[in-house]
Amino acid sequence: MELKTARLTILIDPGKKQAFEELCRTQDMTPSQVVRRLIRDFMEQQEALAPRRAPARKPAATRRAR
């Protein structure tokens, strides 16, 4: 588990927020726990797809001159 945390701010309509919070309560989880799990699952899914993608290139400003 990471020792430091960072804040992520999202905008969502009030009705969805309330429904999400209620659903989280039924699962005995906080909204933060659910969002962290969603992010972790998404990142793992993308890593599994990574070999099929072309490697990301560094921005020109950070590339070394040859």
PDB file of N, CA and C in Angstrom:
ATOM      1  N   MET A   1       0.839  -1.182   0.000  1.00  0.00           N
ATOM      2  CA  MET A   1       0.000   0.000   0.000  1.00  0.00           C
ATOM      3  C   MET A   1       0.886   1.248   0.000  1.00  0.00           C
ATOM      4  N   GLU A   2       0.493   2.232  -0.786  1.00  0.00           N
ATOM      5  CA  GLU A   2       1.271   3.458  -0.861  1.00  0.00           C
ATOM      6  C   GLU A   2       1.188   4.236   0.442  1.00  0.00           C
ATOM      7  N   LEU A   3       2.248   4.964   0.751  1.00  0.00           N
ATOM      8  CA  LEU A   3       2.277   5.735   1.987  1.00  0.00           C
ATOM      9  C   LEU A   3       1.723   7.144   1.800  1.00  0.00           C
ATOM     10  N   LYS A   4       1.904   7.723   0.607  1.00  0.00           N
ATOM     11  CA  LYS A   4       1.421   9.070   0.352  1.00  0.00           C
ATOM     12  C   LYS A   4       0.159   9.006  -0.487  1.00  0.00           C
ATOM     13  N   THR A   5      -0.657  10.021  -0.378  1.00  0.00           N
ATOM     14  CA  THR A   5      -1.866  10.086  -1.190  1.00  0.00           C
ATOM     15  C   THR A   5      -1.923  11.413  -1.926  1.00  0.00           C
ATOM     16  N   ALA A   6      -2.710  11.443  -2.982  1.00  0.00           N
ATOM     17  CA  ALA A   6      -2.935  12.655  -3.755  1.00  0.00           C
ATOM     18  C   ALA A   6      -4.433  12.774  -3.982  1.00  0.00           C
ATOM     19  N   ARG A   7      -4.882  13.993  -4.130  1.00  0.00           N
ATOM     20  CA  ARG A   7      -6.311  14.244  -4.314  1.00  0.00           C
ATOM     21  C   ARG A   7      -6.645  14.253  -5.799  1.00  0.00           C
ATOM     22  N   LEU A   8      -7.776  13.644  -6.150  1.00  0.00           N
ATOM     23  CA  LEU A   8      -8.310  13.648  -7.503  1.00  0.00           C
ATOM     24  C   LEU A   8      -9.710  14.232  -7.420  1.00  0.00           C
ATOM     25  N   THR A   9      -9.946  15.321  -8.125  1.00  0.00           N
ATOM     26  CA  THR A   9     -11.246  15.973  -8.094  1.00  0.00           C
ATOM     27  C   THR A   9     -11.982  15.674  -9.390  1.00  0.00           C
ATOM     28  N   ILE A  10     -13.205  15.214  -9.282  1.00  0.00           N
ATOM     29  CA  ILE A  10     -14.016  14.938 -10.464  1.00  0.00           C
ATOM     30  C   ILE A  10     -15.335  15.680 -10.342  1.00  0.00           C
ATOM     31  N   LEU A  11     -15.954  15.919 -11.474  1.00  0.00           N
ATOM     32  CA  LEU A  11     -17.277  16.533 -11.491  1.00  0.00           C
ATOM     33  C   LEU A  11     -18.282  15.467 -11.917  1.00  0.00           C
ATOM     34  N   ILE A  12     -19.380  15.387 -11.188  1.00  0.00           N
ATOM     35  CA  ILE A  12     -20.427  14.406 -11.460  1.00  0.00           C
ATOM     36  C   ILE A  12     -21.752  15.042 -11.081  1.00  0.00           C
ATOM     37  N   ASP A  13     -22.810  14.686 -11.788  1.00  0.00           N
ATOM     38  CA  ASP A  13     -24.075  15.330 -11.450  1.00  0.00           C
ATOM     39  C   ASP A  13     -24.562  14.837 -10.078  1.00  0.00           C
ATOM     40  N   PRO A  14     -25.254  15.683  -9.348  1.00  0.00           N
ATOM     41  CA  PRO A  14     -25.640  15.372  -7.964  1.00  0.00           C
ATOM     42  C   PRO A  14     -26.439  14.078  -7.803  1.00  0.00           C
ATOM     43  N   GLY A  15     -27.315  13.784  -8.752  1.00  0.00           N
ATOM     44  CA  GLY A  15     -28.103  12.550  -8.647  1.00  0.00           C
ATOM     45  C   GLY A  15     -27.245  11.306  -8.732  1.00  0.00           C
ATOM     46  N   LYS A  16     -26.286  11.309  -9.659  1.00  0.00           N
ATOM     47  CA  LYS A  16     -25.381  10.162  -9.786  1.00  0.00           C
ATOM     48  C   LYS A  16     -24.496  10.037  -8.560  1.00  0.00           C
ATOM     49  N   LYS A  17     -24.051  11.166  -8.037  1.00  0.00           N
ATOM     50  CA  LYS A  17     -23.210  11.146  -6.832  1.00  0.00           C
ATOM     51  C   LYS A  17     -23.968  10.513  -5.671  1.00  0.00           C
ATOM     52  N   GLN A  18     -25.197  10.931  -5.474  1.00  0.00           N
ATOM     53  CA  GLN A  18     -25.994  10.380  -4.371  1.00  0.00           C
ATOM     54  C   GLN A  18     -26.240   8.884  -4.567  1.00  0.00           C
ATOM     55  N   ALA A  19     -26.577   8.488  -5.794  1.00  0.00           N
ATOM     56  CA  ALA A  19     -26.812   7.069  -6.066  1.00  0.00           C
ATOM     57  C   ALA A  19     -25.537   6.256  -5.854  1.00  0.00           C
ATOM     58  N   PHE A  20     -24.394   6.806  -6.286  1.00  0.00           N
ATOM     59  CA  PHE A  20     -23.108   6.134  -6.115  1.00  0.00           C
ATOM     60  C   PHE A  20     -22.785   5.957  -4.634  1.00  0.00           C
ATOM     61  N   GLU A  21     -22.963   7.023  -3.851  1.00  0.00           N
ATOM     62  CA  GLU A  21     -22.691   6.948  -2.415  1.00  0.00           C
ATOM     63  C   GLU A  21     -23.594   5.925  -1.728  1.00  0.00           C
ATOM     64  N   GLU A  22     -24.860   5.884  -2.119  1.00  0.00           N
ATOM     65  CA  GLU A  22     -25.777   4.904  -1.531  1.00  0.00           C
ATOM     66  C   GLU A  22     -25.375   3.481  -1.906  1.00  0.00           C
ATOM     67  N   LEU A  23     -24.998   3.282  -3.164  1.00  0.00           N
ATOM     68  CA  LEU A  23     -24.562   1.956  -3.594  1.00  0.00           C
ATOM     69  C   LEU A  23     -23.294   1.539  -2.859  1.00  0.00           C
ATOM     70  N   CYS A  24     -22.371   2.469  -2.670  1.00  0.00           N
ATOM     71  CA  CYS A  24     -21.153   2.170  -1.907  1.00  0.00           C
ATOM     72  C   CYS A  24     -21.503   1.725  -0.487  1.00  0.00           C
ATOM     73  N   ARG A  25     -22.451   2.440   0.135  1.00  0.00           N
ATOM     74  CA  ARG A  25     -22.866   2.078   1.498  1.00  0.00           C
ATOM     75  C   ARG A  25     -23.418   0.650   1.550  1.00  0.00           C
ATOM     76  N   THR A  26     -24.187   0.259   0.522  1.00  0.00           N
ATOM     77  CA  THR A  26     -24.748  -1.102   0.525  1.00  0.00           C
ATOM     78  C   THR A  26     -23.649  -2.155   0.431  1.00  0.00           C
ATOM     79  N   GLN A  27     -22.498  -1.765  -0.124  1.00  0.00           N
ATOM     80  CA  GLN A  27     -21.362  -2.678  -0.254  1.00  0.00           C
ATOM     81  C   GLN A  27     -20.370  -2.523   0.895  1.00  0.00           C
ATOM     82  N   ASP A  28     -20.721  -1.679   1.877  1.00  0.00           N
ATOM     83  CA  ASP A  28     -19.863  -1.394   3.028  1.00  0.00           C
ATOM     84  C   ASP A  28     -18.479  -0.910   2.587  1.00  0.00           C
ATOM     85  N   MET A  29     -18.492   0.000   1.582  1.00  0.00           N
ATOM     86  CA  MET A  29     -17.263   0.584   1.070  1.00  0.00           C
ATOM     87  C   MET A  29     -17.453   2.092   0.976  1.00  0.00           C
ATOM     88  N   THR A  30     -16.344   2.817   1.071  1.00  0.00           N
ATOM     89  CA  THR A  30     -16.422   4.262   0.860  1.00  0.00           C
ATOM     90  C   THR A  30     -16.312   4.533  -0.639  1.00  0.00           C
ATOM     91  N   PRO A  31     -16.816   5.680  -1.088  1.00  0.00           N
ATOM     92  CA  PRO A  31     -16.624   6.030  -2.496  1.00  0.00           C
ATOM     93  C   PRO A  31     -15.143   6.048  -2.891  1.00  0.00           C
ATOM     94  N   SER A  32     -14.283   6.513  -2.014  1.00  0.00           N
ATOM     95  CA  SER A  32     -12.851   6.527  -2.310  1.00  0.00           C
ATOM     96  C   SER A  32     -12.308   5.123  -2.540  1.00  0.00           C
ATOM     97  N   GLN A  33     -12.730   4.168  -1.732  1.00  0.00           N
ATOM     98  CA  GLN A  33     -12.284   2.789  -1.915  1.00  0.00           C
ATOM     99  C   GLN A  33     -12.705   2.263  -3.280  1.00  0.00           C
ATOM    100  N   VAL A  34     -13.930   2.558  -3.678  1.00  0.00           N
ATOM    101  CA  VAL A  34     -14.447   2.072  -4.961  1.00  0.00           C
ATOM    102  C   VAL A  34     -13.691   2.728  -6.115  1.00  0.00           C
ATOM    103  N   VAL A  35     -13.468   4.029  -6.036  1.00  0.00           N
ATOM    104  CA  VAL A  35     -12.759   4.725  -7.110  1.00  0.00           C
ATOM    105  C   VAL A  35     -11.325   4.215  -7.206  1.00  0.00           C
ATOM    106  N   ARG A  36     -10.658   4.014  -6.074  1.00  0.00           N
ATOM    107  CA  ARG A  36      -9.295   3.472  -6.112  1.00  0.00           C
ATOM    108  C   ARG A  36      -9.282   2.098  -6.774  1.00  0.00           C
ATOM    109  N   ARG A  37     -10.267   1.259  -6.465  1.00  0.00           N
ATOM    110  CA  ARG A  37     -10.345  -0.072  -7.076  1.00  0.00           C
ATOM    111  C   ARG A  37     -10.585   0.042  -8.585  1.00  0.00           C
ATOM    112  N   LEU A  38     -11.485   0.953  -8.989  1.00  0.00           N
ATOM    113  CA  LEU A  38     -11.744   1.150 -10.413  1.00  0.00           C
ATOM    114  C   LEU A  38     -10.478   1.590 -11.149  1.00  0.00           C
ATOM    115  N   ILE A  39      -9.742   2.517 -10.554  1.00  0.00           N
ATOM    116  CA  ILE A  39      -8.504   3.001 -11.172  1.00  0.00           C
ATOM    117  C   ILE A  39      -7.483   1.876 -11.265  1.00  0.00           C
ATOM    118  N   ARG A  40      -7.308   1.137 -10.174  1.00  0.00           N
ATOM    119  CA  ARG A  40      -6.352   0.029 -10.158  1.00  0.00           C
ATOM    120  C   ARG A  40      -6.710  -1.020 -11.213  1.00  0.00           C
ATOM    121  N   ASP A  41      -8.007  -1.392 -11.294  1.00  0.00           N
ATOM    122  CA  ASP A  41      -8.458  -2.377 -12.279  1.00  0.00           C
ATOM    123  C   ASP A  41      -8.237  -1.870 -13.705  1.00  0.00           C
ATOM    124  N   PHE A  42      -8.531  -0.595 -13.938  1.00  0.00           N
ATOM    125  CA  PHE A  42      -8.343  -0.006 -15.266  1.00  0.00           C
ATOM    126  C   PHE A  42      -6.868  -0.036 -15.653  1.00  0.00           C
ATOM    127  N   MET A  43      -6.004   0.328 -14.728  1.00  0.00           N
ATOM    128  CA  MET A  43      -4.570   0.336 -15.015  1.00  0.00           C
ATOM    129  C   MET A  43      -4.050  -1.075 -15.299  1.00  0.00           C
ATOM    130  N   GLU A  44      -4.510  -2.055 -14.536  1.00  0.00           N
ATOM    131  CA  GLU A  44      -4.105  -3.442 -14.774  1.00  0.00           C
ATOM    132  C   GLU A  44      -4.592  -3.917 -16.142  1.00  0.00           C
ATOM    133  N   GLN A  45      -5.805  -3.540 -16.503  1.00  0.00           N
ATOM    134  CA  GLN A  45      -6.358  -3.907 -17.809  1.00  0.00           C
ATOM    135  C   GLN A  45      -5.523  -3.294 -18.931  1.00  0.00           C
ATOM    136  N   GLN A  46      -5.136  -2.036 -18.778  1.00  0.00           N
ATOM    137  CA  GLN A  46      -4.337  -1.363 -19.798  1.00  0.00           C
ATOM    138  C   GLN A  46      -2.945  -1.972 -19.894  1.00  0.00           C
ATOM    139  N   GLU A  47      -2.383  -2.365 -18.771  1.00  0.00           N
ATOM    140  CA  GLU A  47      -1.070  -3.014 -18.792  1.00  0.00           C
ATOM    141  C   GLU A  47      -1.140  -4.340 -19.541  1.00  0.00           C
ATOM    142  N   ALA A  48      -2.240  -5.057 -19.404  1.00  0.00           N
ATOM    143  CA  ALA A  48      -2.411  -6.325 -20.103  1.00  0.00           C
ATOM    144  C   ALA A  48      -2.491  -6.104 -21.610  1.00  0.00           C
ATOM    145  N   LEU A  49      -2.998  -4.957 -22.032  1.00  0.00           N
ATOM    146  CA  LEU A  49      -3.107  -4.634 -23.458  1.00  0.00           C
ATOM    147  C   LEU A  49      -1.845  -4.004 -24.008  1.00  0.00           C
ATOM    148  N   ALA A  50      -0.954  -3.557 -23.149  1.00  0.00           N
ATOM    149  CA  ALA A  50       0.227  -2.782 -23.546  1.00  0.00           C
ATOM    150  C   ALA A  50       1.072  -3.449 -24.629  1.00  0.00           C
ATOM    151  N   PRO A  51       1.324  -4.759 -24.608  1.00  0.00           N
ATOM    152  CA  PRO A  51       2.179  -5.342 -25.652  1.00  0.00           C
ATOM    153  C   PRO A  51       1.619  -5.142 -27.060  1.00  0.00           C
ATOM    154  N   ARG A  52       0.338  -4.908 -27.181  1.00  0.00           N
ATOM    155  CA  ARG A  52      -0.278  -4.736 -28.496  1.00  0.00           C
ATOM    156  C   ARG A  52      -0.105  -3.319 -29.023  1.00  0.00           C
ATOM    157  N   ARG A  53       0.257  -2.385 -28.160  1.00  0.00           N
ATOM    158  CA  ARG A  53       0.389  -0.983 -28.543  1.00  0.00           C
ATOM    159  C   ARG A  53       1.819  -0.646 -28.899  1.00  0.00           C
ATOM    160  N   ALA A  54       1.962   0.406 -29.692  1.00  0.00           N
ATOM    161  CA  ALA A  54       3.297   0.923 -29.984  1.00  0.00           C
ATOM    162  C   ALA A  54       3.824   1.605 -28.729  1.00  0.00           C
ATOM    163  N   PRO A  55       5.115   1.536 -28.483  1.00  0.00           N
ATOM    164  CA  PRO A  55       5.658   2.187 -27.282  1.00  0.00           C
ATOM    165  C   PRO A  55       5.451   3.704 -27.338  1.00  0.00           C
ATOM    166  N   ALA A  56       5.207   4.277 -26.207  1.00  0.00           N
ATOM    167  CA  ALA A  56       5.010   5.729 -26.116  1.00  0.00           C
ATOM    168  C   ALA A  56       6.343   6.423 -26.374  1.00  0.00           C
ATOM    169  N   ARG A  57       6.291   7.534 -27.104  1.00  0.00           N
ATOM    170  CA  ARG A  57       7.498   8.307 -27.381  1.00  0.00           C
ATOM    171  C   ARG A  57       7.616   9.433 -26.383  1.00  0.00           C
ATOM    172  N   LYS A  58       8.846   9.757 -26.039  1.00  0.00           N
ATOM    173  CA  LYS A  58       9.083  10.883 -25.143  1.00  0.00           C
ATOM    174  C   LYS A  58       8.820  12.173 -25.900  1.00  0.00           C
ATOM    175  N   PRO A  59       8.338  13.199 -25.226  1.00  0.00           N
ATOM    176  CA  PRO A  59       8.178  14.496 -25.892  1.00  0.00           C
ATOM    177  C   PRO A  59       9.525  14.989 -26.411  1.00  0.00           C
ATOM    178  N   ALA A  60       9.512  15.735 -27.509  1.00  0.00           N
ATOM    179  CA  ALA A  60      10.738  16.201 -28.151  1.00  0.00           C
ATOM    180  C   ALA A  60      11.662  16.927 -27.176  1.00  0.00           C
ATOM    181  N   ALA A  61      11.115  17.685 -26.260  1.00  0.00           N
ATOM    182  CA  ALA A  61      11.928  18.474 -25.326  1.00  0.00           C
ATOM    183  C   ALA A  61      12.742  17.584 -24.386  1.00  0.00           C
ATOM    184  N   THR A  62      12.317  16.352 -24.158  1.00  0.00           N
ATOM    185  CA  THR A  62      13.028  15.503 -23.214  1.00  0.00           C
ATOM    186  C   THR A  62      13.901  14.453 -23.906  1.00  0.00           C
ATOM    187  N   ARG A  63      13.830  14.359 -25.241  1.00  0.00           N
ATOM    188  CA  ARG A  63      14.668  13.415 -25.957  1.00  0.00           C
ATOM    189  C   ARG A  63      16.107  13.917 -26.000  1.00  0.00           C
ATOM    190  N   ARG A  64      17.048  13.006 -25.976  1.00  0.00           N
ATOM    191  CA  ARG A  64      18.457  13.376 -26.064  1.00  0.00           C
ATOM    192  C   ARG A  64      18.835  13.625 -27.522  1.00  0.00           C
ATOM    193  N   ALA A  65      19.662  14.581 -27.708  1.00  0.00           N
ATOM    194  CA  ALA A  65      20.200  14.846 -29.055  1.00  0.00           C
ATOM    195  C   ALA A  65      21.273  13.810 -29.350  1.00  0.00           C
ATOM    196  N   ARG A  66      21.348  13.381 -30.597  1.00  0.00           N
ATOM    197  CA  ARG A  66      22.352  12.360 -30.956  1.00  0.00           C
ATOM    198  C   ARG A  66      23.496  12.961 -31.672  1.00  0.00           C
TER     199      ARG A  66
END
